[in-house]
Amino acid sequence: MQLTLAFMLLLQEFAPVFTQPSFATFQALLTGWVLSFRPRFITELILSSGSTDDGHHSCYHRFFSQAVWDLDTLWYYLACLLLATFAPTGLVELAGDDTLCRKRGLTLYGAGMHHDPLLSSRALKVMSWGHDWVVLALVVRCPRWAGSKVWCLPLLARLYRNRQGLAKGAKGKKRPVNPNHRTRPELFREMLELLAKWFPERQFLISGDSAYGGKSVLRHLPVNIDLISHVHAKGALYAPAPPPVPHQKGPRRKKGARLPGLAAWAADATQPWTELIFDQFGLHATLQVKTQKALYYKAGGTRLLTIVLVHDTVGKRPDQMFYCTRLDWDARQILSCYAGRWAIEVTFENCKQLLGLDEPANRKPLAVQRTAPMALLLYSLIVLWFHRVGHLWVRYPERRWYRQKSEPSFADMLSTLRRVSWQEKLLPLLPRQGALKSQVLQLLEFTSRAA
């Protein structure tokens, strides 16, 4: 089996990353990944791609566990493709977050106990065993075929590993601390630095939640990257440092007077609220905002930031403060950009439900770090293919209860890719007219939506 020619041409862009035999294996595995309706185990990918008789099955396992190719180089070629298509010029919007892939098995490399946001509530915090992936994604808007939606296309990913503590083992021995341990924000910053190194001439703006807006990220941002994130509810804000006093002894002041906190600023009647109405992806609300320039000194040091205080007029959201390192942006621009970050949560759900991000059963270090990111890479490639040609062939099922659908979901993109791929192979073998052709086309339509 092969995918449609237009998609195979996209895969050809990654040929320089691999040797010729490894590239053939790469194409076969991604073909099986798209066409499979079952868990994405390596053996299932071999079967779905029709490669059962093409070499020994261990060759496909060794592609992830031993083959000589670099995952970051693969990400680089993907980033070049995505930026050239969706953001050839101007500011590049990014989003960052982490997601938990639940796993089983104590001998699984990189697995650990992580906070599970899907099973947790405000009253009960639940931990689950699995892999935690920190992901950096490109925020894309495609008015040509999805005017109201926002898409987040993964650009980079890192596996987060828990710190090895000093807990005593079974025989009373202490386990040493891992000297190479990196926190999620440090992995996040590492990916930002790598992206800035790849594209030093481009300007990036990334949105991250409060976990990625602290000191370890904000104080080490590359020159060509700006950040939008949360100010802690009890965070201390300060006015900019006053000008130095003539003949003053001692070092110059680094910050000015402390400004009112969140509650005091919200209650301050001397600065009126400004009402903004939002009706966009990720944000449908009427908000009241206040804006000021201030220092978030504990996190950002002496870097001046635009601070936005947000109050929901209907009380569905608590009052929050956001900061942005771009001083020329107003509150509407900051909040509109941050709202698009919600698309990365949709990306994680689609990658798990439709592409099996949490399904690979590899255990060795290199295999674990290489296999699951293929689902993230494939997600970006499918949206890219759909943007180029796939939207011309999309069809929505006839449903009397839902006739107004006009914008595709990722499930529609995946089913379109499957259907078009099968039609290219089968239609030349069928008669031009007749019951057989219509029955085969109907079967392809149902099969493409089976997952």
Protein backbone atom coordinates (compact mmCIF):
# COMPACT_ATOMS: atom_id res chain seq x y z
CA MET A 1 0.00 0.00 0.00
CA GLN A 2 1.02 3.58 -0.65
CA LEU A 3 -0.45 6.92 0.24
CA THR A 4 -1.54 9.43 -2.39
CA LEU A 5 1.24 10.83 -4.57
CA ALA A 6 0.89 14.36 -3.15
CA PHE A 7 1.55 13.05 0.38
CA MET A 8 4.45 10.86 -0.74
CA LEU A 9 6.05 13.97 -2.26
CA LEU A 10 5.87 15.59 1.17
CA LEU A 11 7.71 12.62 2.66
CA GLN A 12 10.41 13.02 0.01
CA GLU A 13 11.39 16.28 1.73
CA PHE A 14 12.81 14.19 4.59
CA ALA A 15 15.03 11.98 2.42
CA PRO A 16 18.27 13.81 3.42
CA VAL A 17 17.69 12.82 7.06
CA PHE A 18 18.05 9.08 6.37
CA THR A 19 20.10 6.61 4.41
CA GLN A 20 18.31 5.10 1.43
CA PRO A 21 17.27 1.86 3.23
CA SER A 22 16.16 3.78 6.32
CA PHE A 23 14.13 6.20 4.22
CA ALA A 24 12.23 3.31 2.61
CA THR A 25 11.47 2.02 6.12
CA PHE A 26 10.39 5.52 7.19
CA GLN A 27 7.92 5.74 4.29
CA ALA A 28 6.50 2.29 5.00
CA LEU A 29 6.03 2.99 8.72
CA LEU A 30 4.28 6.34 8.17
CA THR A 31 2.07 4.76 5.50
CA GLY A 32 1.05 2.06 7.95
CA TRP A 33 0.55 4.69 10.67
CA VAL A 34 -2.00 6.54 8.53
CA LEU A 35 -3.86 3.49 7.25
CA SER A 36 -4.00 1.50 10.48
CA PHE A 37 -7.23 1.25 12.48
CA ARG A 38 -5.62 -0.60 15.39
CA PRO A 39 -3.04 0.36 18.06
CA ARG A 40 0.15 1.64 16.43
CA PHE A 41 2.50 -1.17 17.37
CA ILE A 42 5.41 -1.66 14.98
CA THR A 43 4.08 -5.03 13.80
CA GLU A 44 0.71 -3.44 13.08
CA LEU A 45 2.38 -0.72 10.99
CA ILE A 46 4.18 -3.38 8.95
CA LEU A 47 0.89 -5.14 8.27
CA SER A 48 -1.09 -1.96 7.47
CA SER A 49 1.51 -0.76 4.99
CA GLY A 50 1.57 -4.09 3.15
CA SER A 51 5.26 -4.58 3.95
CA THR A 52 4.96 -8.02 5.52
CA ASP A 53 7.19 -9.61 2.88
CA ASP A 54 9.62 -6.68 2.56
CA GLY A 55 12.50 -7.72 4.76
CA HIS A 56 12.59 -9.09 8.29
CA HIS A 57 10.32 -7.45 10.87
CA SER A 58 13.32 -6.71 13.11
CA CYS A 59 14.51 -4.12 10.54
CA TYR A 60 11.44 -2.00 11.34
CA HIS A 61 12.05 -2.25 15.08
CA ARG A 62 15.72 -1.31 14.63
CA PHE A 63 14.66 1.81 12.69
CA PHE A 64 13.66 3.35 16.01
CA SER A 65 16.02 1.63 18.43
CA GLN A 66 19.34 1.54 16.53
CA ALA A 67 19.25 3.26 13.12
CA VAL A 68 21.61 6.23 12.64
CA TRP A 69 19.38 9.26 12.14
CA ASP A 70 18.80 12.35 14.21
CA LEU A 71 15.34 13.29 15.45
CA ASP A 72 16.15 17.02 15.74
CA THR A 73 17.25 17.04 12.10
CA LEU A 74 13.88 15.54 11.20
CA TRP A 75 12.17 18.31 13.21
CA TYR A 76 14.28 20.90 11.38
CA TYR A 77 13.10 19.77 7.97
CA LEU A 78 9.50 19.76 9.22
CA ALA A 79 9.90 23.29 10.63
CA CYS A 80 11.25 24.53 7.30
CA LEU A 81 8.25 23.02 5.48
CA LEU A 82 5.69 24.48 7.87
CA LEU A 83 7.18 27.98 8.03
CA ALA A 84 7.58 28.16 4.24
CA THR A 85 3.91 27.22 3.80
CA PHE A 86 2.07 28.89 6.68
CA ALA A 87 4.37 31.74 7.81
CA PRO A 88 6.78 32.69 5.00
CA THR A 89 7.08 36.26 6.34
CA GLY A 90 6.19 38.26 9.42
CA LEU A 91 5.72 37.24 13.03
CA VAL A 92 5.54 33.49 13.76
CA GLU A 93 3.04 32.47 16.46
CA LEU A 94 3.87 29.44 18.61
CA ALA A 95 2.27 27.58 21.50
CA GLY A 96 3.84 25.30 24.06
CA ASP A 97 2.54 22.77 26.57
CA ASP A 98 3.02 19.23 27.83
CA THR A 99 0.82 16.15 27.62
CA LEU A 100 0.74 12.87 29.50
CA CYS A 101 0.66 9.53 27.66
CA ARG A 102 -0.40 6.84 30.12
CA LYS A 103 1.69 3.66 30.02
CA ARG A 104 2.11 0.34 31.80
CA GLY A 105 5.31 -1.41 32.83
CA LEU A 106 8.03 -0.60 35.34
CA THR A 107 10.89 -1.31 32.91
CA LEU A 108 9.69 1.26 30.39
CA TYR A 109 12.38 3.89 29.74
CA GLY A 110 11.44 7.44 30.72
CA ALA A 111 8.15 6.54 32.39
CA GLY A 112 7.24 7.98 35.76
CA MET A 113 4.43 9.27 37.93
CA HIS A 114 3.03 12.53 36.57
CA HIS A 115 0.07 14.72 37.37
CA ASP A 116 -2.91 13.60 35.30
CA PRO A 117 -5.06 16.65 34.48
CA LEU A 118 -7.83 14.60 32.85
CA LEU A 119 -8.48 12.49 35.96
CA SER A 120 -7.82 15.27 38.48
CA SER A 121 -10.17 17.86 39.90
CA ARG A 122 -9.74 20.87 42.14
CA ALA A 123 -10.43 18.71 45.18
CA LEU A 124 -8.46 15.63 44.13
CA LYS A 125 -5.06 15.48 42.42
CA VAL A 126 -4.44 12.23 40.55
CA MET A 127 -1.07 10.87 39.42
CA SER A 128 -0.65 8.43 36.53
CA TRP A 129 2.24 6.33 35.26
CA GLY A 130 3.44 7.19 31.78
CA HIS A 131 5.44 9.45 29.48
CA ASP A 132 5.22 13.22 29.67
CA TRP A 133 5.99 15.05 26.41
CA VAL A 134 6.78 18.76 26.21
CA VAL A 135 5.71 20.03 22.79
CA LEU A 136 6.34 23.22 20.82
CA ALA A 137 3.81 23.90 18.03
CA LEU A 138 3.17 26.39 15.23
CA VAL A 139 -0.15 28.25 15.50
CA VAL A 140 -1.87 28.30 12.10
CA ARG A 141 -5.00 29.99 10.80
CA CYS A 142 -6.33 28.85 7.41
CA PRO A 143 -9.19 31.13 6.31
CA ARG A 144 -9.29 29.48 2.89
CA TRP A 145 -10.78 26.23 4.20
CA ALA A 146 -11.35 26.78 7.95
CA GLY A 147 -12.13 30.41 8.67
CA SER A 148 -13.01 30.11 12.35
CA LYS A 149 -10.54 27.44 13.48
CA VAL A 150 -6.97 27.57 14.74
CA TRP A 151 -4.52 24.68 14.34
CA CYS A 152 -1.38 23.90 16.31
CA LEU A 153 1.17 21.93 14.31
CA PRO A 154 3.95 20.29 16.38
CA LEU A 155 7.46 21.53 15.56
CA LEU A 156 9.53 20.03 18.37
CA ALA A 157 9.05 17.61 21.25
CA ARG A 158 11.06 16.48 24.27
CA LEU A 159 10.47 13.62 26.70
CA TYR A 160 10.40 14.80 30.32
CA ARG A 161 11.89 12.44 32.89
CA ASN A 162 11.26 12.63 36.63
CA ARG A 163 14.09 13.55 38.95
CA GLN A 164 15.75 10.52 40.54
CA GLY A 165 15.48 11.36 44.22
CA LEU A 166 17.39 10.14 47.25
CA ALA A 167 14.70 7.69 48.35
CA LYS A 168 16.08 4.51 49.86
CA GLY A 169 16.00 1.38 47.75
CA ALA A 170 15.00 -2.14 48.76
CA LYS A 171 18.31 -2.74 50.59
CA GLY A 172 18.47 0.67 52.22
CA LYS A 173 20.78 2.17 49.61
CA LYS A 174 20.16 5.66 48.34
CA ARG A 175 19.63 6.26 44.66
CA PRO A 176 21.80 9.08 43.29
CA VAL A 177 20.28 12.27 41.92
CA ASN A 178 20.29 12.40 38.13
CA PRO A 179 22.84 15.15 37.28
CA ASN A 180 21.32 15.58 33.80
CA HIS A 181 17.77 16.12 35.04
CA ARG A 182 15.96 18.97 33.31
CA THR A 183 12.61 20.38 34.34
CA ARG A 184 9.77 20.91 31.88
CA PRO A 185 10.50 24.67 31.62
CA GLU A 186 14.16 23.89 30.93
CA LEU A 187 13.18 21.51 28.12
CA PHE A 188 10.82 24.18 26.84
CA ARG A 189 13.61 26.75 26.85
CA GLU A 190 15.95 24.30 25.14
CA MET A 191 13.50 23.93 22.25
CA LEU A 192 13.09 27.71 21.99
CA GLU A 193 16.85 28.17 21.81
CA LEU A 194 17.09 25.50 19.14
CA LEU A 195 14.34 27.13 17.07
CA ALA A 196 15.98 30.54 17.42
CA LYS A 197 19.26 29.02 16.26
CA TRP A 198 17.61 27.44 13.21
CA PHE A 199 15.86 30.65 12.13
CA PRO A 200 17.83 33.61 13.54
CA GLU A 201 16.27 36.04 11.04
CA ARG A 202 12.66 35.26 12.08
CA GLN A 203 10.72 36.78 14.99
CA PHE A 204 8.68 34.38 17.14
CA LEU A 205 5.92 34.92 19.70
CA ILE A 206 5.03 31.97 21.93
CA SER A 207 2.10 31.51 24.30
CA GLY A 208 2.53 29.29 27.33
CA ASP A 209 0.62 28.68 30.54
CA SER A 210 1.92 29.57 33.98
CA ALA A 211 4.16 26.49 34.09
CA TYR A 212 6.24 27.96 31.25
CA GLY A 213 6.17 31.60 32.24
CA GLY A 214 8.48 31.66 35.23
CA LYS A 215 12.05 32.73 35.85
CA SER A 216 13.70 29.76 34.14
CA VAL A 217 12.08 30.73 30.81
CA LEU A 218 11.41 34.47 30.93
CA ARG A 219 14.93 35.45 31.96
CA HIS A 220 16.55 33.31 29.26
CA LEU A 221 14.48 34.06 26.18
CA PRO A 222 16.43 34.28 22.91
CA VAL A 223 16.57 37.73 21.36
CA ASN A 224 14.14 36.88 18.54
CA ILE A 225 11.48 35.24 20.75
CA ASP A 226 8.72 36.98 22.73
CA LEU A 227 6.46 35.36 25.32
CA ILE A 228 2.87 35.64 26.54
CA SER A 229 2.06 33.91 29.82
CA HIS A 230 0.39 34.24 33.22
CA VAL A 231 1.37 36.39 36.18
CA HIS A 232 0.88 34.41 39.37
CA ALA A 233 -2.24 35.48 41.28
CA LYS A 234 -0.02 36.57 44.18
CA GLY A 235 2.79 37.81 41.96
CA ALA A 236 4.47 41.08 42.92
CA LEU A 237 4.62 43.82 40.28
CA TYR A 238 6.90 46.83 40.43
CA ALA A 239 7.18 50.13 38.64
CA PRO A 240 10.24 50.64 36.43
CA ALA A 241 13.37 51.78 38.22
CA PRO A 242 13.54 55.55 38.71
CA PRO A 243 16.36 57.51 37.03
CA PRO A 244 19.58 57.64 39.03
CA VAL A 245 20.02 60.50 41.47
CA PRO A 246 23.08 62.70 40.81
CA HIS A 247 26.01 61.89 43.09
CA GLN A 248 24.11 58.91 44.50
CA LYS A 249 26.28 56.42 46.32
CA GLY A 250 25.87 52.72 45.85
CA PRO A 251 24.42 50.71 42.97
CA ARG A 252 21.54 52.00 40.89
CA ARG A 253 18.04 50.80 41.81
CA LYS A 254 16.77 47.86 39.78
CA LYS A 255 13.05 48.39 40.41
CA GLY A 256 10.66 51.08 41.47
CA ALA A 257 7.86 51.10 44.00
CA ARG A 258 5.73 48.00 44.43
CA LEU A 259 2.43 48.21 42.55
CA PRO A 260 -0.96 47.00 43.83
CA GLY A 261 -1.62 43.28 43.59
CA LEU A 262 -4.36 41.62 41.56
CA ALA A 263 -7.25 42.27 43.98
CA ALA A 264 -6.19 45.83 44.83
CA TRP A 265 -5.64 46.71 41.16
CA ALA A 266 -9.05 45.31 40.24
CA ALA A 267 -10.71 47.38 42.99
CA ASP A 268 -8.83 50.58 42.08
CA ALA A 269 -11.46 53.03 40.84
CA THR A 270 -8.89 55.55 39.58
CA GLN A 271 -8.11 53.33 36.59
CA PRO A 272 -11.33 52.46 34.72
CA TRP A 273 -12.00 49.15 33.03
CA THR A 274 -12.07 48.83 29.26
CA GLU A 275 -14.63 46.42 27.83
CA LEU A 276 -13.60 44.08 25.00
CA ILE A 277 -15.87 41.62 23.17
CA PHE A 278 -14.26 38.42 21.83
CA ASP A 279 -15.90 35.92 19.50
CA GLN A 280 -13.11 33.71 18.20
CA PHE A 281 -11.62 30.26 18.54
CA GLY A 282 -10.80 29.64 22.20
CA LEU A 283 -12.43 32.80 23.53
CA HIS A 284 -16.12 33.72 23.35
CA ALA A 285 -16.67 36.26 26.12
CA THR A 286 -17.08 39.88 27.09
CA LEU A 287 -14.10 40.90 29.21
CA GLN A 288 -13.08 43.98 31.13
CA VAL A 289 -9.37 44.75 31.05
CA LYS A 290 -6.78 47.07 32.56
CA THR A 291 -3.29 47.50 31.16
CA GLN A 292 -0.01 48.84 32.51
CA LYS A 293 3.74 48.59 31.96
CA ALA A 294 5.49 46.99 34.92
CA LEU A 295 8.24 44.67 36.11
CA TYR A 296 7.41 41.11 37.11
CA TYR A 297 10.65 41.18 39.02
CA LYS A 298 10.75 37.69 40.53
CA ALA A 299 10.32 36.05 37.13
CA GLY A 300 11.58 38.60 34.62
CA GLY A 301 14.03 40.73 36.54
CA THR A 302 14.41 44.22 35.09
CA ARG A 303 12.66 43.41 31.80
CA LEU A 304 9.68 45.73 31.26
CA LEU A 305 6.45 43.91 30.42
CA THR A 306 2.93 44.73 29.29
CA ILE A 307 0.60 43.52 32.07
CA VAL A 308 -3.09 42.88 31.35
CA LEU A 309 -5.65 42.38 34.12
CA VAL A 310 -8.73 40.47 32.93
CA HIS A 311 -12.19 40.37 34.55
CA ASP A 312 -15.02 38.25 33.16
CA THR A 313 -18.29 40.22 33.24
CA VAL A 314 -20.40 37.08 33.78
CA GLY A 315 -18.10 35.56 36.40
CA LYS A 316 -17.25 32.31 34.57
CA ARG A 317 -13.53 32.97 34.89
CA PRO A 318 -11.57 34.25 37.88
CA ASP A 319 -9.66 37.49 37.54
CA GLN A 320 -6.28 36.84 35.93
CA MET A 321 -3.16 38.75 34.95
CA PHE A 322 -1.22 38.10 31.76
CA TYR A 323 2.12 39.49 30.66
CA CYS A 324 3.62 40.03 27.23
CA THR A 325 7.21 40.92 26.38
CA ARG A 326 6.07 42.89 23.32
CA LEU A 327 5.56 46.42 24.62
CA ASP A 328 3.78 47.63 21.46
CA TRP A 329 0.89 45.17 21.77
CA ASP A 330 -2.44 46.16 23.34
CA ALA A 331 -4.78 44.02 25.44
CA ARG A 332 -6.87 42.76 22.52
CA GLN A 333 -3.85 41.54 20.60
CA ILE A 334 -2.40 39.80 23.66
CA LEU A 335 -5.61 38.03 24.66
CA SER A 336 -6.50 37.07 21.07
CA CYS A 337 -3.08 35.53 20.58
CA TYR A 338 -3.18 33.67 23.89
CA ALA A 339 -6.66 32.28 23.13
CA GLY A 340 -5.23 30.49 20.10
CA ARG A 341 -3.10 28.42 22.48
CA TRP A 342 -6.17 26.27 23.17
CA ALA A 343 -5.60 24.61 19.79
CA ILE A 344 -2.64 22.70 21.22
CA GLU A 345 -5.01 20.86 23.55
CA VAL A 346 -7.07 19.86 20.50
CA THR A 347 -3.85 18.68 18.84
CA PHE A 348 -3.02 16.44 21.80
CA GLU A 349 -6.51 14.92 21.80
CA ASN A 350 -6.43 14.24 18.05
CA CYS A 351 -2.94 12.75 18.22
CA LYS A 352 -4.01 10.35 20.96
CA GLN A 353 -7.46 9.45 19.67
CA LEU A 354 -6.75 9.28 15.93
CA LEU A 355 -2.97 8.79 15.56
CA GLY A 356 -2.13 6.72 18.62
CA LEU A 357 0.37 9.05 20.29
CA ASP A 358 0.16 7.00 23.50
CA GLU A 359 0.05 3.55 21.86
CA PRO A 360 3.65 2.58 20.82
CA ALA A 361 5.02 -0.19 23.03
CA ASN A 362 8.76 0.49 22.74
CA ARG A 363 10.89 0.16 25.87
CA LYS A 364 14.48 1.00 24.95
CA PRO A 365 15.70 4.61 25.40
CA LEU A 366 16.26 5.57 21.78
CA ALA A 367 13.11 3.80 20.58
CA VAL A 368 10.94 5.51 23.21
CA GLN A 369 12.28 8.97 22.32
CA ARG A 370 11.79 8.43 18.56
CA THR A 371 8.53 6.50 18.13
CA ALA A 372 5.80 8.58 19.77
CA PRO A 373 6.98 11.86 18.15
CA MET A 374 6.15 10.28 14.77
CA ALA A 375 2.47 10.77 15.62
CA LEU A 376 3.11 14.49 16.25
CA LEU A 377 5.10 14.82 13.03
CA LEU A 378 2.40 12.98 11.09
CA TYR A 379 -0.27 15.32 12.47
CA SER A 380 1.59 18.34 11.08
CA LEU A 381 2.13 16.63 7.72
CA ILE A 382 -1.54 15.68 7.32
CA VAL A 383 -2.68 19.26 7.99
CA LEU A 384 -0.01 20.52 5.59
CA TRP A 385 -1.17 18.07 2.88
CA PHE A 386 -4.78 19.07 3.46
CA HIS A 387 -3.88 22.75 3.15
CA ARG A 388 -2.10 22.17 -0.16
CA VAL A 389 -4.47 19.82 -1.98
CA GLY A 390 -6.56 17.77 0.45
CA HIS A 391 -9.25 20.42 0.95
CA LEU A 392 -10.21 20.01 -2.72
CA TRP A 393 -11.36 16.42 -2.07
CA VAL A 394 -12.97 16.62 1.37
CA ARG A 395 -16.53 15.28 1.60
CA TYR A 396 -18.83 15.37 4.59
CA PRO A 397 -21.28 12.51 5.17
CA GLU A 398 -24.93 13.19 4.44
CA ARG A 399 -26.55 13.84 7.82
CA ARG A 400 -29.97 15.43 8.02
CA TRP A 401 -29.29 16.55 11.58
CA TYR A 402 -26.03 18.29 10.67
CA ARG A 403 -26.20 19.84 7.22
CA GLN A 404 -24.51 23.12 8.03
CA LYS A 405 -20.99 21.75 8.52
CA SER A 406 -18.54 23.71 6.37
CA GLU A 407 -15.18 23.38 8.15
CA PRO A 408 -13.22 20.13 8.48
CA SER A 409 -12.01 18.51 11.65
CA PHE A 410 -8.77 16.58 11.80
CA ALA A 411 -10.82 13.36 11.55
CA ASP A 412 -12.14 14.64 8.20
CA MET A 413 -8.57 15.29 7.03
CA LEU A 414 -7.43 11.81 8.00
CA SER A 415 -10.39 10.09 6.35
CA THR A 416 -9.88 12.19 3.20
CA LEU A 417 -6.23 11.14 3.01
CA ARG A 418 -7.16 7.48 3.37
CA ARG A 419 -9.98 7.65 0.83
CA VAL A 420 -7.95 9.52 -1.79
CA SER A 421 -5.00 7.14 -1.33
CA TRP A 422 -7.17 4.05 -1.86
CA GLN A 423 -9.02 5.59 -4.80
CA GLU A 424 -5.78 6.32 -6.63
CA LYS A 425 -4.87 2.63 -6.43
CA LEU A 426 -8.29 1.05 -7.06
CA LEU A 427 -10.13 3.27 -9.55
CA PRO A 428 -7.84 2.42 -12.51
CA LEU A 429 -8.75 -1.25 -11.97
CA LEU A 430 -12.52 -0.69 -12.03
CA PRO A 431 -14.89 -0.22 -14.99
CA ARG A 432 -15.83 3.38 -15.75
CA GLN A 433 -19.48 2.77 -14.91
CA GLY A 434 -21.60 0.14 -13.27
CA ALA A 435 -22.69 -1.18 -9.93
CA LEU A 436 -19.25 -2.54 -9.05
CA LYS A 437 -17.63 0.89 -9.16
CA SER A 438 -20.30 2.55 -7.05
CA GLN A 439 -20.16 -0.28 -4.49
CA VAL A 440 -16.38 -0.08 -4.22
CA LEU A 441 -16.52 3.70 -3.78
CA GLN A 442 -19.12 3.34 -1.07
CA LEU A 443 -16.99 0.72 0.65
CA LEU A 444 -13.96 3.04 0.52
CA GLU A 445 -16.03 5.85 2.03
CA PHE A 446 -17.09 3.71 4.97
CA THR A 447 -13.64 2.19 5.43
CA SER A 448 -11.90 5.58 5.48
CA ARG A 449 -14.13 6.61 8.41
CA ALA A 450 -13.77 3.36 10.34
CA ALA A 451 -11.41 4.83 12.91
